[in-house]
Amino acid sequence: MLDALVWLVFIALFVGAALLVKVAAVLLVVLVVLALLLGFVLRALRKRRRAPRRPR
């Protein structure tokens, strides 16, 4: 009985660690994509600001 309990705890910890690693990887990818998008947006805004504005 104790042996099975130890195995269940081990499996639960292993699955939890795998899920944590997957979540961390997804968060890292999302952060990298957001950083790239922010860089592109800032570059586009800088280019647009440099161009002469049309009077409204």
PDB file of N, CA and C in Angstrom:
ATOM      1  N   MET A   1       0.842  -1.204   0.000  1.00  0.00           N
ATOM      2  CA  MET A   1       0.000   0.000   0.000  1.00  0.00           C
ATOM      3  C   MET A   1       0.877   1.253   0.000  1.00  0.00           C
ATOM      4  N   LEU A   2       1.871   1.262   0.887  1.00  0.00           N
ATOM      5  CA  LEU A   2       2.753   2.426   0.956  1.00  0.00           C
ATOM      6  C   LEU A   2       3.528   2.573  -0.346  1.00  0.00           C
ATOM      7  N   ASP A   3       3.923   1.437  -0.930  1.00  0.00           N
ATOM      8  CA  ASP A   3       4.676   1.477  -2.187  1.00  0.00           C
ATOM      9  C   ASP A   3       3.845   2.143  -3.290  1.00  0.00           C
ATOM     10  N   ALA A   4       2.573   1.754  -3.373  1.00  0.00           N
ATOM     11  CA  ALA A   4       1.697   2.338  -4.398  1.00  0.00           C
ATOM     12  C   ALA A   4       1.516   3.833  -4.151  1.00  0.00           C
ATOM     13  N   LEU A   5       1.399   4.208  -2.879  1.00  0.00           N
ATOM     14  CA  LEU A   5       1.228   5.627  -2.556  1.00  0.00           C
ATOM     15  C   LEU A   5       2.460   6.421  -2.989  1.00  0.00           C
ATOM     16  N   VAL A   6       3.640   5.863  -2.715  1.00  0.00           N
ATOM     17  CA  VAL A   6       4.879   6.541  -3.119  1.00  0.00           C
ATOM     18  C   VAL A   6       4.918   6.696  -4.630  1.00  0.00           C
ATOM     19  N   TRP A   7       4.532   5.637  -5.364  1.00  0.00           N
ATOM     20  CA  TRP A   7       4.524   5.718  -6.829  1.00  0.00           C
ATOM     21  C   TRP A   7       3.537   6.769  -7.312  1.00  0.00           C
ATOM     22  N   LEU A   8       2.350   6.827  -6.680  1.00  0.00           N
ATOM     23  CA  LEU A   8       1.352   7.828  -7.086  1.00  0.00           C
ATOM     24  C   LEU A   8       1.880   9.242  -6.863  1.00  0.00           C
ATOM     25  N   VAL A   9       2.522   9.456  -5.705  1.00  0.00           N
ATOM     26  CA  VAL A   9       3.085  10.781  -5.417  1.00  0.00           C
ATOM     27  C   VAL A   9       4.170  11.116  -6.432  1.00  0.00           C
ATOM     28  N   PHE A  10       5.021  10.137  -6.750  1.00  0.00           N
ATOM     29  CA  PHE A  10       6.100  10.359  -7.713  1.00  0.00           C
ATOM     30  C   PHE A  10       5.534  10.716  -9.083  1.00  0.00           C
ATOM     31  N   ILE A  11       4.497   9.975  -9.507  1.00  0.00           N
ATOM     32  CA  ILE A  11       3.881  10.246 -10.818  1.00  0.00           C
ATOM     33  C   ILE A  11       3.244  11.634 -10.817  1.00  0.00           C
ATOM     34  N   ALA A  12       2.570  11.989  -9.721  1.00  0.00           N
ATOM     35  CA  ALA A  12       1.931  13.306  -9.648  1.00  0.00           C
ATOM     36  C   ALA A  12       2.981  14.411  -9.729  1.00  0.00           C
ATOM     37  N   LEU A  13       4.086  14.238  -9.006  1.00  0.00           N
ATOM     38  CA  LEU A  13       5.151  15.245  -9.051  1.00  0.00           C
ATOM     39  C   LEU A  13       5.751  15.338 -10.448  1.00  0.00           C
ATOM     40  N   PHE A  14       5.957  14.180 -11.090  1.00  0.00           N
ATOM     41  CA  PHE A  14       6.545  14.172 -12.433  1.00  0.00           C
ATOM     42  C   PHE A  14       5.634  14.886 -13.424  1.00  0.00           C
ATOM     43  N   VAL A  15       4.330  14.566 -13.374  1.00  0.00           N
ATOM     44  CA  VAL A  15       3.372  15.218 -14.285  1.00  0.00           C
ATOM     45  C   VAL A  15       3.304  16.715 -13.997  1.00  0.00           C
ATOM     46  N   GLY A  16       3.304  17.076 -12.716  1.00  0.00           N
ATOM     47  CA  GLY A  16       3.267  18.493 -12.361  1.00  0.00           C
ATOM     48  C   GLY A  16       4.494  19.231 -12.874  1.00  0.00           C
ATOM     49  N   ALA A  17       5.665  18.613 -12.741  1.00  0.00           N
ATOM     50  CA  ALA A  17       6.888  19.251 -13.227  1.00  0.00           C
ATOM     51  C   ALA A  17       6.837  19.400 -14.745  1.00  0.00           C
ATOM     52  N   ALA A  18       6.349  18.369 -15.446  1.00  0.00           N
ATOM     53  CA  ALA A  18       6.261  18.445 -16.909  1.00  0.00           C
ATOM     54  C   ALA A  18       5.314  19.568 -17.321  1.00  0.00           C
ATOM     55  N   LEU A  19       4.182  19.680 -16.624  1.00  0.00           N
ATOM     56  CA  LEU A  19       3.232  20.751 -16.950  1.00  0.00           C
ATOM     57  C   LEU A  19       3.850  22.115 -16.674  1.00  0.00           C
ATOM     58  N   LEU A  20       4.582  22.225 -15.554  1.00  0.00           N
ATOM     59  CA  LEU A  20       5.221  23.502 -15.236  1.00  0.00           C
ATOM     60  C   LEU A  20       6.229  23.880 -16.315  1.00  0.00           C
ATOM     61  N   VAL A  21       6.996  22.897 -16.781  1.00  0.00           N
ATOM     62  CA  VAL A  21       7.981  23.176 -17.828  1.00  0.00           C
ATOM     63  C   VAL A  21       7.275  23.631 -19.101  1.00  0.00           C
ATOM     64  N   LYS A  22       6.158  22.955 -19.446  1.00  0.00           N
ATOM     65  CA  LYS A  22       5.411  23.351 -20.652  1.00  0.00           C
ATOM     66  C   LYS A  22       4.867  24.760 -20.501  1.00  0.00           C
ATOM     67  N   VAL A  23       4.293  25.057 -19.337  1.00  0.00           N
ATOM     68  CA  VAL A  23       3.736  26.397 -19.114  1.00  0.00           C
ATOM     69  C   VAL A  23       4.842  27.445 -19.183  1.00  0.00           C
ATOM     70  N   ALA A  24       6.001  27.146 -18.580  1.00  0.00           N
ATOM     71  CA  ALA A  24       7.113  28.094 -18.611  1.00  0.00           C
ATOM     72  C   ALA A  24       7.577  28.323 -20.046  1.00  0.00           C
ATOM     73  N   ALA A  25       7.650  27.253 -20.848  1.00  0.00           N
ATOM     74  CA  ALA A  25       8.076  27.396 -22.242  1.00  0.00           C
ATOM     75  C   ALA A  25       7.077  28.249 -23.014  1.00  0.00           C
ATOM     76  N   VAL A  26       5.781  28.010 -22.798  1.00  0.00           N
ATOM     77  CA  VAL A  26       4.760  28.800 -23.503  1.00  0.00           C
ATOM     78  C   VAL A  26       4.857  30.265 -23.099  1.00  0.00           C
ATOM     79  N   LEU A  27       5.035  30.530 -21.801  1.00  0.00           N
ATOM     80  CA  LEU A  27       5.154  31.916 -21.344  1.00  0.00           C
ATOM     81  C   LEU A  27       6.378  32.580 -21.957  1.00  0.00           C
ATOM     82  N   LEU A  28       7.488  31.845 -22.043  1.00  0.00           N
ATOM     83  CA  LEU A  28       8.702  32.403 -22.634  1.00  0.00           C
ATOM     84  C   LEU A  28       8.463  32.762 -24.094  1.00  0.00           C
ATOM     85  N   VAL A  29       7.816  31.863 -24.833  1.00  0.00           N
ATOM     86  CA  VAL A  29       7.533  32.134 -26.251  1.00  0.00           C
ATOM     87  C   VAL A  29       6.623  33.349 -26.383  1.00  0.00           C
ATOM     88  N   VAL A  30       5.598  33.432 -25.533  1.00  0.00           N
ATOM     89  CA  VAL A  30       4.678  34.574 -25.597  1.00  0.00           C
ATOM     90  C   VAL A  30       5.419  35.872 -25.306  1.00  0.00           C
ATOM     91  N   LEU A  31       6.300  35.861 -24.308  1.00  0.00           N
ATOM     92  CA  LEU A  31       7.053  37.072 -23.975  1.00  0.00           C
ATOM     93  C   LEU A  31       7.958  37.484 -25.129  1.00  0.00           C
ATOM     94  N   VAL A  32       8.617  36.511 -25.767  1.00  0.00           N
ATOM     95  CA  VAL A  32       9.500  36.834 -26.893  1.00  0.00           C
ATOM     96  C   VAL A  32       8.688  37.432 -28.038  1.00  0.00           C
ATOM     97  N   VAL A  33       7.534  36.828 -28.335  1.00  0.00           N
ATOM     98  CA  VAL A  33       6.690  37.345 -29.428  1.00  0.00           C
ATOM     99  C   VAL A  33       6.213  38.758 -29.103  1.00  0.00           C
ATOM    100  N   LEU A  34       5.808  38.991 -27.857  1.00  0.00           N
ATOM    101  CA  LEU A  34       5.356  40.330 -27.474  1.00  0.00           C
ATOM    102  C   LEU A  34       6.495  41.340 -27.588  1.00  0.00           C
ATOM    103  N   ALA A  35       7.696  40.946 -27.194  1.00  0.00           N
ATOM    104  CA  ALA A  35       8.837  41.856 -27.297  1.00  0.00           C
ATOM    105  C   ALA A  35       9.117  42.199 -28.761  1.00  0.00           C
ATOM    106  N   LEU A  36       9.062  41.192 -29.642  1.00  0.00           N
ATOM    107  CA  LEU A  36       9.295  41.452 -31.069  1.00  0.00           C
ATOM    108  C   LEU A  36       8.215  42.375 -31.626  1.00  0.00           C
ATOM    109  N   LEU A  37       6.957  42.114 -31.278  1.00  0.00           N
ATOM    110  CA  LEU A  37       5.869  42.975 -31.764  1.00  0.00           C
ATOM    111  C   LEU A  37       6.044  44.402 -31.254  1.00  0.00           C
ATOM    112  N   LEU A  38       6.427  44.551 -29.997  1.00  0.00           N
ATOM    113  CA  LEU A  38       6.635  45.884 -29.439  1.00  0.00           C
ATOM    114  C   LEU A  38       7.755  46.603 -30.187  1.00  0.00           C
ATOM    115  N   GLY A  39       8.831  45.870 -30.501  1.00  0.00           N
ATOM    116  CA  GLY A  39       9.925  46.471 -31.265  1.00  0.00           C
ATOM    117  C   GLY A  39       9.458  46.929 -32.636  1.00  0.00           C
ATOM    118  N   PHE A  40       8.674  46.088 -33.321  1.00  0.00           N
ATOM    119  CA  PHE A  40       8.174  46.467 -34.649  1.00  0.00           C
ATOM    120  C   PHE A  40       7.265  47.691 -34.557  1.00  0.00           C
ATOM    121  N   VAL A  41       6.389  47.709 -33.544  1.00  0.00           N
ATOM    122  CA  VAL A  41       5.463  48.839 -33.397  1.00  0.00           C
ATOM    123  C   VAL A  41       6.234  50.118 -33.118  1.00  0.00           C
ATOM    124  N   LEU A  42       7.213  50.046 -32.221  1.00  0.00           N
ATOM    125  CA  LEU A  42       7.991  51.247 -31.907  1.00  0.00           C
ATOM    126  C   LEU A  42       8.750  51.733 -33.131  1.00  0.00           C
ATOM    127  N   ARG A  43       9.311  50.796 -33.911  1.00  0.00           N
ATOM    128  CA  ARG A  43      10.042  51.185 -35.116  1.00  0.00           C
ATOM    129  C   ARG A  43       9.100  51.848 -36.117  1.00  0.00           C
ATOM    130  N   ALA A  44       7.889  51.280 -36.275  1.00  0.00           N
ATOM    131  CA  ALA A  44       6.916  51.855 -37.210  1.00  0.00           C
ATOM    132  C   ALA A  44       6.492  53.246 -36.740  1.00  0.00           C
ATOM    133  N   LEU A  45       6.260  53.396 -35.438  1.00  0.00           N
ATOM    134  CA  LEU A  45       5.859  54.710 -34.927  1.00  0.00           C
ATOM    135  C   LEU A  45       6.978  55.724 -35.118  1.00  0.00           C
ATOM    136  N   ARG A  46       8.217  55.302 -34.914  1.00  0.00           N
ATOM    137  CA  ARG A  46       9.340  56.215 -35.088  1.00  0.00           C
ATOM    138  C   ARG A  46       9.444  56.647 -36.551  1.00  0.00           C
ATOM    139  N   LYS A  47       9.274  55.681 -37.470  1.00  0.00           N
ATOM    140  CA  LYS A  47       9.331  56.025 -38.895  1.00  0.00           C
ATOM    141  C   LYS A  47       8.193  56.972 -39.251  1.00  0.00           C
ATOM    142  N   ARG A  48       6.997  56.698 -38.723  1.00  0.00           N
ATOM    143  CA  ARG A  48       5.845  57.533 -39.050  1.00  0.00           C
ATOM    144  C   ARG A  48       6.032  58.939 -38.486  1.00  0.00           C
ATOM    145  N   ARG A  49       6.623  59.039 -37.296  1.00  0.00           N
ATOM    146  CA  ARG A  49       6.816  60.346 -36.671  1.00  0.00           C
ATOM    147  C   ARG A  49       7.825  61.174 -37.468  1.00  0.00           C
ATOM    148  N   ARG A  50       8.826  60.499 -38.064  1.00  0.00           N
ATOM    149  CA  ARG A  50       9.852  61.206 -38.814  1.00  0.00           C
ATOM    150  C   ARG A  50       9.261  61.835 -40.085  1.00  0.00           C
ATOM    151  N   ALA A  51       8.247  61.164 -40.672  1.00  0.00           N
ATOM    152  CA  ALA A  51       7.634  61.690 -41.899  1.00  0.00           C
ATOM    153  C   ALA A  51       6.839  62.952 -41.571  1.00  0.00           C
ATOM    154  N   PRO A  52       6.799  63.892 -42.510  1.00  0.00           N
ATOM    155  CA  PRO A  52       6.031  65.133 -42.247  1.00  0.00           C
ATOM    156  C   PRO A  52       4.550  64.826 -42.112  1.00  0.00           C
ATOM    157  N   ARG A  53       3.938  65.431 -41.104  1.00  0.00           N
ATOM    158  CA  ARG A  53       2.517  65.184 -40.852  1.00  0.00           C
ATOM    159  C   ARG A  53       1.677  66.103 -41.727  1.00  0.00           C
ATOM    160  N   ARG A  54       0.548  65.562 -42.170  1.00  0.00           N
ATOM    161  CA  ARG A  54      -0.371  66.382 -42.961  1.00  0.00           C
ATOM    162  C   ARG A  54      -1.227  67.217 -42.016  1.00  0.00           C
ATOM    163  N   PRO A  55      -1.348  68.505 -42.282  1.00  0.00           N
ATOM    164  CA  PRO A  55      -2.223  69.328 -41.412  1.00  0.00           C
ATOM    165  C   PRO A  55      -3.674  68.928 -41.586  1.00  0.00           C
ATOM    166  N   ARG A  56      -4.396  68.820 -40.436  1.00  0.00           N
ATOM    167  CA  ARG A  56      -5.802  68.410 -40.509  1.00  0.00           C
ATOM    168  C   ARG A  56      -6.697  69.627 -40.706  1.00  0.00           C
TER     169      ARG A  56
END
